[in-house]
Amino acid sequence: MKRLNKFWIAAGLSTLGLLATGWAQAQTKLRYAHVGVANAPQTLYAEEVAKLVKERTAGRIEIQVFPNSQLGGVGEMVDGIKSGAIAMGHHDFASLGKILPATAVFNTPFVYRDAAHSLRATDARISPALQDVNRQLVEKGGMRIVGSFFQGARQLTSKEKVLSPKDMAGKKYRGVPVKLWSSMIAGMGAVATPVEVSELATALATGLVVGQENPLPNIYNLKLYEVQKYVMMTDHMQSVLSVFINERIWQGIPAADRKIMEDTMAEVGQKTLAWDRDTAAKYRKDLEAKGMVFVEAKDGLDLEAFRKSVLAQVNKDFPEWSTLIEQIRAVK
């Protein structure tokens, strides 16, 4: 077993030669996997982190990025990082749910005040909730979350204008086939109906579902403007992704270089806030040009009604998250 463990660790973390000055000058290569496609914000994030970490460690740490599911899908990536075959990667917090269900709490709708708060509340250096989750992740999965970055807010779309949960009562809306998403759609007043993303446009066109929720780039790239009229700017879920790493590999990196990595990931994470602002503005303009109508609070959108209803449903379905949710909200 020890020999097998050493094999997997070596696959994710390779040390190339020692200079005369000893271990401090050894080069460590980390394989970093994710499912994002070329030029996507999450791909730019990983590449920027890799570039800066190599510069700031004078080449001691080299992060090799493998985007677009080159090392497998989400499930394979999580399993690979758990074993050490892959050093690190990023995805939704909920993707670690099969190891520790409580990680999905960081995807809770309406839990963050804004995008900036979502990054502070998912910073392991200052977030008590994430520190608690990390202790359990290390114990149960042999990995920890070491960074986070912002990918955008999710918005609601429909064939009809929606101003409050009452407008969605009894109607079928597409829900991601994950328990938390089903709770969210139910909290919005609708009937959660699972539909694969590849079939979403058809489901909307045929009336199988009357609406759905996604970030603006997805709404545009999936051409949902062809089958949906209204975009409700609910900002109901801040899409913040987690960066996680194999614990044995992490502890094998000198403390000073670990700090450089953490600080760099936090710095680039802050950059993603600006990237999202620019991207969201562009896609809103493009969607409006395609005929979509945006509905905001000034138009009567009752955000407080959505917030109260959705959180009440989440509290009912996930009572064990109450302490973690309080800790997330308390982060300044």
C-alpha atoms as a PDB file:
ATOM      1  CA  MET A   1       0.000   0.000   0.000  1.00  0.00           C
ATOM      2  CA  LYS A   2       2.819   2.433   0.844  1.00  0.00           C
ATOM      3  CA  ARG A   3       4.434   1.743  -2.510  1.00  0.00           C
ATOM      4  CA  LEU A   4       1.102   2.348  -4.280  1.00  0.00           C
ATOM      5  CA  ASN A   5       0.597   5.654  -2.455  1.00  0.00           C
ATOM      6  CA  LYS A   6       4.083   6.770  -3.444  1.00  0.00           C
ATOM      7  CA  PHE A   7       3.287   5.930  -7.054  1.00  0.00           C
ATOM      8  CA  TRP A   8       0.122   8.071  -7.121  1.00  0.00           C
ATOM      9  CA  ILE A   9       1.796  10.990  -5.384  1.00  0.00           C
ATOM     10  CA  ALA A  10       4.645  10.855  -7.878  1.00  0.00           C
ATOM     11  CA  ALA A  11       2.134  11.060 -10.733  1.00  0.00           C
ATOM     12  CA  GLY A  12       0.769  14.360  -9.431  1.00  0.00           C
ATOM     13  CA  LEU A  13       3.903  15.833  -7.872  1.00  0.00           C
ATOM     14  CA  SER A  14       7.280  15.345  -9.499  1.00  0.00           C
ATOM     15  CA  THR A  15      10.522  16.727  -8.198  1.00  0.00           C
ATOM     16  CA  LEU A  16      13.123  17.266 -10.869  1.00  0.00           C
ATOM     17  CA  GLY A  17      16.668  17.109  -9.593  1.00  0.00           C
ATOM     18  CA  LEU A  18      18.356  18.916  -6.740  1.00  0.00           C
ATOM     19  CA  LEU A  19      20.729  21.791  -7.171  1.00  0.00           C
ATOM     20  CA  ALA A  20      23.844  22.076  -5.070  1.00  0.00           C
ATOM     21  CA  THR A  21      22.029  24.320  -2.582  1.00  0.00           C
ATOM     22  CA  GLY A  22      19.662  21.497  -1.617  1.00  0.00           C
ATOM     23  CA  TRP A  23      15.876  20.991  -1.342  1.00  0.00           C
ATOM     24  CA  ALA A  24      15.029  24.700  -1.390  1.00  0.00           C
ATOM     25  CA  GLN A  25      16.009  24.861  -5.068  1.00  0.00           C
ATOM     26  CA  ALA A  26      14.167  21.709  -6.185  1.00  0.00           C
ATOM     27  CA  GLN A  27      11.577  22.130  -8.937  1.00  0.00           C
ATOM     28  CA  THR A  28       8.096  20.818  -8.203  1.00  0.00           C
ATOM     29  CA  LYS A  29       5.633  20.181 -11.021  1.00  0.00           C
ATOM     30  CA  LEU A  30       1.915  20.171 -10.243  1.00  0.00           C
ATOM     31  CA  ARG A  31      -0.675  18.863 -12.686  1.00  0.00           C
ATOM     32  CA  TYR A  32      -3.731  21.163 -12.559  1.00  0.00           C
ATOM     33  CA  ALA A  33      -6.923  19.834 -14.209  1.00  0.00           C
ATOM     34  CA  HIS A  34     -10.251  21.475 -15.019  1.00  0.00           C
ATOM     35  CA  VAL A  35     -13.113  21.169 -17.498  1.00  0.00           C
ATOM     36  CA  GLY A  36     -13.158  24.758 -18.856  1.00  0.00           C
ATOM     37  CA  VAL A  37     -12.717  25.338 -22.576  1.00  0.00           C
ATOM     38  CA  ALA A  38     -10.128  27.590 -24.217  1.00  0.00           C
ATOM     39  CA  ASN A  39     -10.426  31.310 -23.435  1.00  0.00           C
ATOM     40  CA  ALA A  40     -13.144  30.755 -20.803  1.00  0.00           C
ATOM     41  CA  PRO A  41     -12.637  32.870 -17.642  1.00  0.00           C
ATOM     42  CA  GLN A  42     -11.839  29.765 -15.600  1.00  0.00           C
ATOM     43  CA  THR A  43      -9.153  28.786 -18.115  1.00  0.00           C
ATOM     44  CA  LEU A  44      -7.654  32.278 -18.013  1.00  0.00           C
ATOM     45  CA  TYR A  45      -7.650  32.080 -14.204  1.00  0.00           C
ATOM     46  CA  ALA A  46      -5.698  28.814 -14.103  1.00  0.00           C
ATOM     47  CA  GLU A  47      -3.192  30.010 -16.695  1.00  0.00           C
ATOM     48  CA  GLU A  48      -2.622  33.313 -14.883  1.00  0.00           C
ATOM     49  CA  VAL A  49      -2.082  31.551 -11.543  1.00  0.00           C
ATOM     50  CA  ALA A  50       0.391  29.127 -13.142  1.00  0.00           C
ATOM     51  CA  LYS A  51       2.334  31.955 -14.772  1.00  0.00           C
ATOM     52  CA  LEU A  52       2.598  34.096 -11.639  1.00  0.00           C
ATOM     53  CA  VAL A  53       3.419  31.219  -9.276  1.00  0.00           C
ATOM     54  CA  LYS A  54       6.316  30.125 -11.482  1.00  0.00           C
ATOM     55  CA  GLU A  55       7.647  33.703 -11.579  1.00  0.00           C
ATOM     56  CA  ARG A  56       7.216  34.336  -7.868  1.00  0.00           C
ATOM     57  CA  THR A  57       8.839  31.080  -6.798  1.00  0.00           C
ATOM     58  CA  ALA A  58      11.747  31.585  -9.230  1.00  0.00           C
ATOM     59  CA  GLY A  59      10.703  28.397 -11.013  1.00  0.00           C
ATOM     60  CA  ARG A  60      10.563  26.204  -7.899  1.00  0.00           C
ATOM     61  CA  ILE A  61       6.839  25.556  -8.466  1.00  0.00           C
ATOM     62  CA  GLU A  62       5.649  24.845 -11.985  1.00  0.00           C
ATOM     63  CA  ILE A  63       1.897  24.375 -12.450  1.00  0.00           C
ATOM     64  CA  GLN A  64       1.016  22.492 -15.631  1.00  0.00           C
ATOM     65  CA  VAL A  65      -2.589  23.309 -16.618  1.00  0.00           C
ATOM     66  CA  PHE A  66      -4.741  20.680 -18.370  1.00  0.00           C
ATOM     67  CA  PRO A  67      -8.027  22.333 -19.450  1.00  0.00           C
ATOM     68  CA  ASN A  68     -11.053  21.024 -21.355  1.00  0.00           C
ATOM     69  CA  SER A  69     -11.331  17.710 -19.446  1.00  0.00           C
ATOM     70  CA  GLN A  70      -7.979  16.473 -20.782  1.00  0.00           C
ATOM     71  CA  LEU A  71      -7.483  14.460 -17.579  1.00  0.00           C
ATOM     72  CA  GLY A  72     -11.123  13.361 -17.383  1.00  0.00           C
ATOM     73  CA  GLY A  73     -14.495  14.781 -16.457  1.00  0.00           C
ATOM     74  CA  VAL A  74     -15.401  16.246 -13.088  1.00  0.00           C
ATOM     75  CA  GLY A  75     -15.792  12.867 -11.371  1.00  0.00           C
ATOM     76  CA  GLU A  76     -12.473  11.568 -12.676  1.00  0.00           C
ATOM     77  CA  MET A  77     -10.754  14.816 -11.734  1.00  0.00           C
ATOM     78  CA  VAL A  78     -12.005  14.695  -8.136  1.00  0.00           C
ATOM     79  CA  ASP A  79     -11.029  11.021  -7.828  1.00  0.00           C
ATOM     80  CA  GLY A  80      -7.604  11.749  -9.334  1.00  0.00           C
ATOM     81  CA  ILE A  81      -6.907  14.565  -6.880  1.00  0.00           C
ATOM     82  CA  LYS A  82      -8.103  12.435  -3.982  1.00  0.00           C
ATOM     83  CA  SER A  83      -5.639   9.695  -4.952  1.00  0.00           C
ATOM     84  CA  GLY A  84      -2.820  12.065  -5.862  1.00  0.00           C
ATOM     85  CA  ALA A  85      -2.712  11.070  -9.538  1.00  0.00           C
ATOM     86  CA  ILE A  86      -3.618  14.706 -10.248  1.00  0.00           C
ATOM     87  CA  ALA A  87      -2.216  17.384  -7.949  1.00  0.00           C
ATOM     88  CA  MET A  88      -4.950  20.012  -8.110  1.00  0.00           C
ATOM     89  CA  GLY A  89      -7.970  21.326 -10.010  1.00  0.00           C
ATOM     90  CA  HIS A  90     -11.050  23.510  -9.781  1.00  0.00           C
ATOM     91  CA  HIS A  91     -14.827  23.215 -10.086  1.00  0.00           C
ATOM     92  CA  ASP A  92     -18.063  24.017  -8.229  1.00  0.00           C
ATOM     93  CA  PHE A  93     -17.890  23.433  -4.481  1.00  0.00           C
ATOM     94  CA  ALA A  94     -20.742  20.949  -4.886  1.00  0.00           C
ATOM     95  CA  SER A  95     -18.497  18.745  -7.041  1.00  0.00           C
ATOM     96  CA  LEU A  96     -16.799  17.651  -3.796  1.00  0.00           C
ATOM     97  CA  GLY A  97     -20.174  16.630  -2.379  1.00  0.00           C
ATOM     98  CA  LYS A  98     -19.563  12.925  -2.857  1.00  0.00           C
ATOM     99  CA  ILE A  99     -16.650  13.243  -0.433  1.00  0.00           C
ATOM    100  CA  LEU A 100     -18.266  15.745   1.925  1.00  0.00           C
ATOM    101  CA  PRO A 101     -21.885  16.815   1.231  1.00  0.00           C
ATOM    102  CA  ALA A 102     -21.453  20.006   3.279  1.00  0.00           C
ATOM    103  CA  THR A 103     -19.148  21.532   0.647  1.00  0.00           C
ATOM    104  CA  ALA A 104     -22.269  22.324  -1.404  1.00  0.00           C
ATOM    105  CA  VAL A 105     -23.224  24.934   1.227  1.00  0.00           C
ATOM    106  CA  PHE A 106     -20.972  27.392  -0.615  1.00  0.00           C
ATOM    107  CA  ASN A 107     -23.343  27.173  -3.612  1.00  0.00           C
ATOM    108  CA  THR A 108     -26.358  28.125  -1.458  1.00  0.00           C
ATOM    109  CA  PRO A 109     -28.593  30.669  -3.245  1.00  0.00           C
ATOM    110  CA  PHE A 110     -28.773  34.186  -1.783  1.00  0.00           C
ATOM    111  CA  VAL A 111     -26.132  33.376   0.842  1.00  0.00           C
ATOM    112  CA  TYR A 112     -23.654  36.027  -0.375  1.00  0.00           C
ATOM    113  CA  ARG A 113     -24.234  39.775  -0.275  1.00  0.00           C
ATOM    114  CA  ASP A 114     -22.443  40.260  -3.587  1.00  0.00           C
ATOM    115  CA  ALA A 115     -19.670  38.839  -5.759  1.00  0.00           C
ATOM    116  CA  ALA A 116     -16.874  40.306  -3.620  1.00  0.00           C
ATOM    117  CA  HIS A 117     -18.396  38.767  -0.481  1.00  0.00           C
ATOM    118  CA  SER A 118     -18.489  35.357  -2.178  1.00  0.00           C
ATOM    119  CA  LEU A 119     -14.699  35.434  -2.533  1.00  0.00           C
ATOM    120  CA  ARG A 120     -14.074  36.572   1.046  1.00  0.00           C
ATOM    121  CA  ALA A 121     -16.420  33.910   2.422  1.00  0.00           C
ATOM    122  CA  THR A 122     -14.600  31.204   0.443  1.00  0.00           C
ATOM    123  CA  ASP A 123     -11.081  32.310   1.400  1.00  0.00           C
ATOM    124  CA  ALA A 124      -9.684  29.564   3.642  1.00  0.00           C
ATOM    125  CA  ARG A 125      -7.372  32.067   5.309  1.00  0.00           C
ATOM    126  CA  ILE A 126     -10.261  34.032   6.854  1.00  0.00           C
ATOM    127  CA  SER A 127     -13.461  31.968   6.492  1.00  0.00           C
ATOM    128  CA  PRO A 128     -14.361  29.886   9.592  1.00  0.00           C
ATOM    129  CA  ALA A 129     -16.926  27.942   7.551  1.00  0.00           C
ATOM    130  CA  LEU A 130     -14.371  26.920   4.945  1.00  0.00           C
ATOM    131  CA  GLN A 131     -11.774  26.154   7.619  1.00  0.00           C
ATOM    132  CA  ASP A 132     -14.273  23.753   9.197  1.00  0.00           C
ATOM    133  CA  VAL A 133     -15.093  22.158   5.846  1.00  0.00           C
ATOM    134  CA  ASN A 134     -11.386  21.835   5.048  1.00  0.00           C
ATOM    135  CA  ARG A 135     -10.716  19.937   8.260  1.00  0.00           C
ATOM    136  CA  GLN A 136     -13.351  17.415   7.238  1.00  0.00           C
ATOM    137  CA  LEU A 137     -12.163  17.256   3.626  1.00  0.00           C
ATOM    138  CA  VAL A 138      -8.623  16.470   4.754  1.00  0.00           C
ATOM    139  CA  GLU A 139      -9.906  13.751   7.062  1.00  0.00           C
ATOM    140  CA  LYS A 140     -12.371  12.153   4.640  1.00  0.00           C
ATOM    141  CA  GLY A 141     -10.893  12.860   1.237  1.00  0.00           C
ATOM    142  CA  GLY A 142      -7.221  13.665   1.686  1.00  0.00           C
ATOM    143  CA  MET A 143      -7.613  17.059  -0.013  1.00  0.00           C
ATOM    144  CA  ARG A 144      -8.265  20.686   0.847  1.00  0.00           C
ATOM    145  CA  ILE A 145      -9.639  23.843  -0.783  1.00  0.00           C
ATOM    146  CA  VAL A 146      -6.884  26.435  -1.248  1.00  0.00           C
ATOM    147  CA  GLY A 147      -8.472  29.065  -3.453  1.00  0.00           C
ATOM    148  CA  SER A 148     -11.635  30.377  -5.094  1.00  0.00           C
ATOM    149  CA  PHE A 149     -12.603  32.635  -7.979  1.00  0.00           C
ATOM    150  CA  PHE A 150     -15.733  34.184  -9.457  1.00  0.00           C
ATOM    151  CA  GLN A 151     -17.473  32.980 -12.596  1.00  0.00           C
ATOM    152  CA  GLY A 152     -20.641  35.090 -12.593  1.00  0.00           C
ATOM    153  CA  ALA A 153     -24.144  35.298 -11.158  1.00  0.00           C
ATOM    154  CA  ARG A 154     -26.981  33.043 -12.284  1.00  0.00           C
ATOM    155  CA  GLN A 155     -30.150  34.655 -13.616  1.00  0.00           C
ATOM    156  CA  LEU A 156     -33.680  33.413 -14.232  1.00  0.00           C
ATOM    157  CA  THR A 157     -35.244  33.300 -17.713  1.00  0.00           C
ATOM    158  CA  SER A 158     -38.803  32.591 -18.809  1.00  0.00           C
ATOM    159  CA  LYS A 159     -41.270  32.936 -21.658  1.00  0.00           C
ATOM    160  CA  GLU A 160     -43.313  35.150 -19.338  1.00  0.00           C
ATOM    161  CA  LYS A 161     -42.348  38.101 -17.168  1.00  0.00           C
ATOM    162  CA  VAL A 162     -41.748  36.992 -13.581  1.00  0.00           C
ATOM    163  CA  LEU A 163     -41.803  39.428 -10.658  1.00  0.00           C
ATOM    164  CA  SER A 164     -42.160  37.121  -7.630  1.00  0.00           C
ATOM    165  CA  PRO A 165     -42.391  33.423  -6.706  1.00  0.00           C
ATOM    166  CA  LYS A 166     -46.174  33.680  -7.107  1.00  0.00           C
ATOM    167  CA  ASP A 167     -45.659  34.060 -10.859  1.00  0.00           C
ATOM    168  CA  MET A 168     -43.847  30.705 -10.970  1.00  0.00           C
ATOM    169  CA  ALA A 169     -46.296  28.733  -8.818  1.00  0.00           C
ATOM    170  CA  GLY A 170     -46.965  25.267 -10.209  1.00  0.00           C
ATOM    171  CA  LYS A 171     -45.022  25.879 -13.428  1.00  0.00           C
ATOM    172  CA  LYS A 172     -42.206  23.626 -14.619  1.00  0.00           C
ATOM    173  CA  TYR A 173     -38.733  25.149 -14.600  1.00  0.00           C
ATOM    174  CA  ARG A 174     -35.549  23.360 -15.518  1.00  0.00           C
ATOM    175  CA  GLY A 175     -33.392  22.433 -12.561  1.00  0.00           C
ATOM    176  CA  VAL A 176     -29.848  21.071 -12.537  1.00  0.00           C
ATOM    177  CA  PRO A 177     -30.242  17.440 -11.329  1.00  0.00           C
ATOM    178  CA  VAL A 178     -28.664  18.182  -7.938  1.00  0.00           C
ATOM    179  CA  LYS A 179     -30.611  18.292  -4.671  1.00  0.00           C
ATOM    180  CA  LEU A 180     -29.627  21.872  -3.852  1.00  0.00           C
ATOM    181  CA  TRP A 181     -30.819  23.114  -7.256  1.00  0.00           C
ATOM    182  CA  SER A 182     -34.133  21.286  -6.852  1.00  0.00           C
ATOM    183  CA  SER A 183     -34.599  22.970  -3.484  1.00  0.00           C
ATOM    184  CA  MET A 184     -33.856  26.344  -5.039  1.00  0.00           C
ATOM    185  CA  ILE A 185     -36.390  25.928  -7.871  1.00  0.00           C
ATOM    186  CA  ALA A 186     -39.009  24.709  -5.383  1.00  0.00           C
ATOM    187  CA  GLY A 187     -38.251  27.749  -3.220  1.00  0.00           C
ATOM    188  CA  MET A 188     -38.878  29.946  -6.246  1.00  0.00           C
ATOM    189  CA  GLY A 189     -42.369  28.472  -6.355  1.00  0.00           C
ATOM    190  CA  ALA A 190     -41.899  26.267  -9.400  1.00  0.00           C
ATOM    191  CA  VAL A 191     -41.793  22.542 -10.080  1.00  0.00           C
ATOM    192  CA  ALA A 192     -38.164  21.481 -10.569  1.00  0.00           C
ATOM    193  CA  THR A 193     -37.836  19.454 -13.778  1.00  0.00           C
ATOM    194  CA  PRO A 194     -34.439  17.924 -14.592  1.00  0.00           C
ATOM    195  CA  VAL A 195     -33.232  18.542 -18.148  1.00  0.00           C
ATOM    196  CA  GLU A 196     -29.741  17.941 -19.514  1.00  0.00           C
ATOM    197  CA  VAL A 197     -28.123  21.146 -20.749  1.00  0.00           C
ATOM    198  CA  SER A 198     -27.733  19.659 -24.234  1.00  0.00           C
ATOM    199  CA  GLU A 199     -31.530  19.273 -24.412  1.00  0.00           C
ATOM    200  CA  LEU A 200     -32.472  22.541 -22.714  1.00  0.00           C
ATOM    201  CA  ALA A 201     -33.311  24.609 -25.799  1.00  0.00           C
ATOM    202  CA  THR A 202     -35.558  21.834 -27.121  1.00  0.00           C
ATOM    203  CA  ALA A 203     -37.291  21.432 -23.752  1.00  0.00           C
ATOM    204  CA  LEU A 204     -38.010  25.177 -23.681  1.00  0.00           C
ATOM    205  CA  ALA A 205     -39.193  25.218 -27.299  1.00  0.00           C
ATOM    206  CA  THR A 206     -41.617  22.315 -26.797  1.00  0.00           C
ATOM    207  CA  GLY A 207     -42.965  23.610 -23.490  1.00  0.00           C
ATOM    208  CA  LEU A 208     -41.611  20.760 -21.383  1.00  0.00           C
ATOM    209  CA  VAL A 209     -40.358  23.575 -19.163  1.00  0.00           C
ATOM    210  CA  VAL A 210     -41.259  27.282 -19.353  1.00  0.00           C
ATOM    211  CA  GLY A 211     -38.041  28.654 -17.895  1.00  0.00           C
ATOM    212  CA  GLN A 212     -34.592  27.975 -16.493  1.00  0.00           C
ATOM    213  CA  GLU A 213     -31.620  29.672 -14.781  1.00  0.00           C
ATOM    214  CA  ASN A 214     -28.016  30.194 -15.899  1.00  0.00           C
ATOM    215  CA  PRO A 215     -25.287  32.853 -16.088  1.00  0.00           C
ATOM    216  CA  LEU A 216     -25.650  35.327 -18.971  1.00  0.00           C
ATOM    217  CA  PRO A 217     -22.801  33.807 -21.079  1.00  0.00           C
ATOM    218  CA  ASN A 218     -24.531  30.407 -20.978  1.00  0.00           C
ATOM    219  CA  ILE A 219     -27.901  31.954 -21.849  1.00  0.00           C
ATOM    220  CA  TYR A 220     -26.309  33.507 -24.917  1.00  0.00           C
ATOM    221  CA  ASN A 221     -24.088  30.629 -26.010  1.00  0.00           C
ATOM    222  CA  LEU A 222     -26.955  28.116 -25.679  1.00  0.00           C
ATOM    223  CA  LYS A 223     -29.054  30.454 -27.888  1.00  0.00           C
ATOM    224  CA  LEU A 224     -31.836  30.539 -25.327  1.00  0.00           C
ATOM    225  CA  TYR A 225     -32.842  33.916 -26.729  1.00  0.00           C
ATOM    226  CA  GLU A 226     -34.546  31.908 -29.480  1.00  0.00           C
ATOM    227  CA  VAL A 227     -36.951  30.287 -26.981  1.00  0.00           C
ATOM    228  CA  GLN A 228     -37.051  32.711 -24.021  1.00  0.00           C
ATOM    229  CA  LYS A 229     -38.230  36.310 -23.830  1.00  0.00           C
ATOM    230  CA  TYR A 230     -37.390  37.595 -20.346  1.00  0.00           C
ATOM    231  CA  VAL A 231     -34.278  37.645 -18.181  1.00  0.00           C
ATOM    232  CA  MET A 232     -34.974  38.278 -14.500  1.00  0.00           C
ATOM    233  CA  MET A 233     -31.869  39.708 -12.855  1.00  0.00           C
ATOM    234  CA  THR A 234     -32.256  37.741  -9.623  1.00  0.00           C
ATOM    235  CA  ASP A 235     -28.523  37.162  -9.022  1.00  0.00           C
ATOM    236  CA  HIS A 236     -29.838  34.221  -7.010  1.00  0.00           C
ATOM    237  CA  MET A 237     -26.610  32.256  -7.037  1.00  0.00           C
ATOM    238  CA  GLN A 238     -23.078  33.659  -7.126  1.00  0.00           C
ATOM    239  CA  SER A 239     -21.089  31.145  -9.139  1.00  0.00           C
ATOM    240  CA  VAL A 240     -17.839  30.885  -7.190  1.00  0.00           C
ATOM    241  CA  LEU A 241     -15.542  27.965  -8.008  1.00  0.00           C
ATOM    242  CA  SER A 242     -13.202  26.206  -5.607  1.00  0.00           C
ATOM    243  CA  VAL A 243      -9.560  25.278  -6.208  1.00  0.00           C
ATOM    244  CA  PHE A 244      -8.619  22.080  -4.406  1.00  0.00           C
ATOM    245  CA  ILE A 245      -5.390  20.128  -3.996  1.00  0.00           C
ATOM    246  CA  ASN A 246      -4.257  16.739  -2.730  1.00  0.00           C
ATOM    247  CA  GLU A 247      -3.298  17.121   0.935  1.00  0.00           C
ATOM    248  CA  ARG A 248      -0.139  14.994   0.856  1.00  0.00           C
ATOM    249  CA  ILE A 249       1.131  16.958  -2.131  1.00  0.00           C
ATOM    250  CA  TRP A 250       0.222  20.267  -0.471  1.00  0.00           C
ATOM    251  CA  GLN A 251       2.095  19.399   2.703  1.00  0.00           C
ATOM    252  CA  GLY A 252       5.101  18.369   0.605  1.00  0.00           C
ATOM    253  CA  ILE A 253       5.469  21.932  -0.671  1.00  0.00           C
ATOM    254  CA  PRO A 254       7.590  24.259   1.531  1.00  0.00           C
ATOM    255  CA  ALA A 255       5.469  26.598   3.674  1.00  0.00           C
ATOM    256  CA  ALA A 256       6.868  29.731   2.022  1.00  0.00           C
ATOM    257  CA  ASP A 257       5.882  28.479  -1.428  1.00  0.00           C
ATOM    258  CA  ARG A 258       2.442  27.408  -0.183  1.00  0.00           C
ATOM    259  CA  LYS A 259       1.907  30.991   0.959  1.00  0.00           C
ATOM    260  CA  ILE A 260       2.961  32.328  -2.432  1.00  0.00           C
ATOM    261  CA  MET A 261       0.449  29.994  -4.072  1.00  0.00           C
ATOM    262  CA  GLU A 262      -2.379  31.010  -1.717  1.00  0.00           C
ATOM    263  CA  ASP A 263      -1.674  34.717  -2.085  1.00  0.00           C
ATOM    264  CA  THR A 264      -1.446  34.429  -5.872  1.00  0.00           C
ATOM    265  CA  MET A 265      -4.711  32.504  -6.164  1.00  0.00           C
ATOM    266  CA  ALA A 266      -6.442  35.133  -4.005  1.00  0.00           C
ATOM    267  CA  GLU A 267      -4.978  37.950  -6.126  1.00  0.00           C
ATOM    268  CA  VAL A 268      -6.062  36.416  -9.427  1.00  0.00           C
ATOM    269  CA  GLY A 269      -9.409  35.563  -7.857  1.00  0.00           C
ATOM    270  CA  GLN A 270      -9.958  39.283  -7.306  1.00  0.00           C
ATOM    271  CA  LYS A 271      -9.181  39.889 -10.975  1.00  0.00           C
ATOM    272  CA  THR A 272     -12.028  37.562 -11.952  1.00  0.00           C
ATOM    273  CA  LEU A 273     -14.495  40.045 -10.416  1.00  0.00           C
ATOM    274  CA  ALA A 274     -13.471  42.636 -13.022  1.00  0.00           C
ATOM    275  CA  TRP A 275     -13.441  40.024 -15.788  1.00  0.00           C
ATOM    276  CA  ASP A 276     -17.025  39.106 -14.908  1.00  0.00           C
ATOM    277  CA  ARG A 277     -18.215  42.720 -14.879  1.00  0.00           C
ATOM    278  CA  ASP A 278     -16.867  43.231 -18.388  1.00  0.00           C
ATOM    279  CA  THR A 279     -18.240  39.901 -19.627  1.00  0.00           C
ATOM    280  CA  ALA A 280     -21.705  40.391 -18.088  1.00  0.00           C
ATOM    281  CA  ALA A 281     -22.054  43.837 -19.640  1.00  0.00           C
ATOM    282  CA  LYS A 282     -21.115  42.486 -23.063  1.00  0.00           C
ATOM    283  CA  TYR A 283     -23.514  39.538 -22.916  1.00  0.00           C
ATOM    284  CA  ARG A 284     -26.387  41.683 -21.661  1.00  0.00           C
ATOM    285  CA  LYS A 285     -25.932  43.977 -24.634  1.00  0.00           C
ATOM    286  CA  ASP A 286     -25.784  40.986 -26.996  1.00  0.00           C
ATOM    287  CA  LEU A 287     -28.925  39.403 -25.496  1.00  0.00           C
ATOM    288  CA  GLU A 288     -30.852  42.658 -25.684  1.00  0.00           C
ATOM    289  CA  ALA A 289     -29.858  42.902 -29.348  1.00  0.00           C
ATOM    290  CA  LYS A 290     -31.418  39.452 -29.813  1.00  0.00           C
ATOM    291  CA  GLY A 291     -34.694  40.738 -28.357  1.00  0.00           C
ATOM    292  CA  MET A 292     -34.525  39.613 -24.740  1.00  0.00           C
ATOM    293  CA  VAL A 293     -36.073  41.929 -22.132  1.00  0.00           C
ATOM    294  CA  PHE A 294     -34.240  42.393 -18.827  1.00  0.00           C
ATOM    295  CA  VAL A 295     -36.322  42.727 -15.653  1.00  0.00           C
ATOM    296  CA  GLU A 296     -34.785  44.323 -12.542  1.00  0.00           C
ATOM    297  CA  ALA A 297     -35.904  45.607  -9.140  1.00  0.00           C
ATOM    298  CA  LYS A 298     -36.790  48.956 -10.672  1.00  0.00           C
ATOM    299  CA  ASP A 299     -39.255  47.081 -12.899  1.00  0.00           C
ATOM    300  CA  GLY A 300     -40.986  45.452  -9.928  1.00  0.00           C
ATOM    301  CA  LEU A 301     -38.819  42.342  -9.495  1.00  0.00           C
ATOM    302  CA  ASP A 302     -39.323  41.377  -5.838  1.00  0.00           C
ATOM    303  CA  LEU A 303     -35.862  40.129  -4.905  1.00  0.00           C
ATOM    304  CA  GLU A 304     -36.660  39.996  -1.194  1.00  0.00           C
ATOM    305  CA  ALA A 305     -39.605  37.668  -1.824  1.00  0.00           C
ATOM    306  CA  PHE A 306     -37.341  35.332  -3.810  1.00  0.00           C
ATOM    307  CA  ARG A 307     -34.632  35.477  -1.153  1.00  0.00           C
ATOM    308  CA  LYS A 308     -36.971  34.653   1.736  1.00  0.00           C
ATOM    309  CA  SER A 309     -38.776  31.873  -0.098  1.00  0.00           C
ATOM    310  CA  VAL A 310     -35.658  30.166  -1.417  1.00  0.00           C
ATOM    311  CA  LEU A 311     -33.755  30.326   1.871  1.00  0.00           C
ATOM    312  CA  ALA A 312     -36.775  28.967   3.752  1.00  0.00           C
ATOM    313  CA  GLN A 313     -36.783  25.964   1.401  1.00  0.00           C
ATOM    314  CA  VAL A 314     -33.024  25.466   1.767  1.00  0.00           C
ATOM    315  CA  ASN A 315     -33.276  25.654   5.564  1.00  0.00           C
ATOM    316  CA  LYS A 316     -36.013  23.032   5.455  1.00  0.00           C
ATOM    317  CA  ASP A 317     -34.107  20.674   3.167  1.00  0.00           C
ATOM    318  CA  PHE A 318     -30.623  21.225   4.668  1.00  0.00           C
ATOM    319  CA  PRO A 319     -31.073  21.981   8.403  1.00  0.00           C
ATOM    320  CA  GLU A 320     -27.541  20.703   9.074  1.00  0.00           C
ATOM    321  CA  TRP A 321     -26.137  23.693   7.179  1.00  0.00           C
ATOM    322  CA  SER A 322     -27.535  26.365   9.504  1.00  0.00           C
ATOM    323  CA  THR A 323     -24.298  27.010  11.419  1.00  0.00           C
ATOM    324  CA  LEU A 324     -22.186  27.100   8.252  1.00  0.00           C
ATOM    325  CA  ILE A 325     -24.619  29.509   6.573  1.00  0.00           C
ATOM    326  CA  GLU A 326     -24.460  31.826   9.597  1.00  0.00           C
ATOM    327  CA  GLN A 327     -20.655  31.739   9.457  1.00  0.00           C
ATOM    328  CA  ILE A 328     -20.668  32.537   5.727  1.00  0.00           C
ATOM    329  CA  ARG A 329     -22.962  35.507   6.229  1.00  0.00           C
ATOM    330  CA  ALA A 330     -20.877  36.797   9.129  1.00  0.00           C
ATOM    331  CA  VAL A 331     -17.734  37.189   6.997  1.00  0.00           C
ATOM    332  CA  LYS A 332     -17.148  40.926   6.524  1.00  0.00           C
END
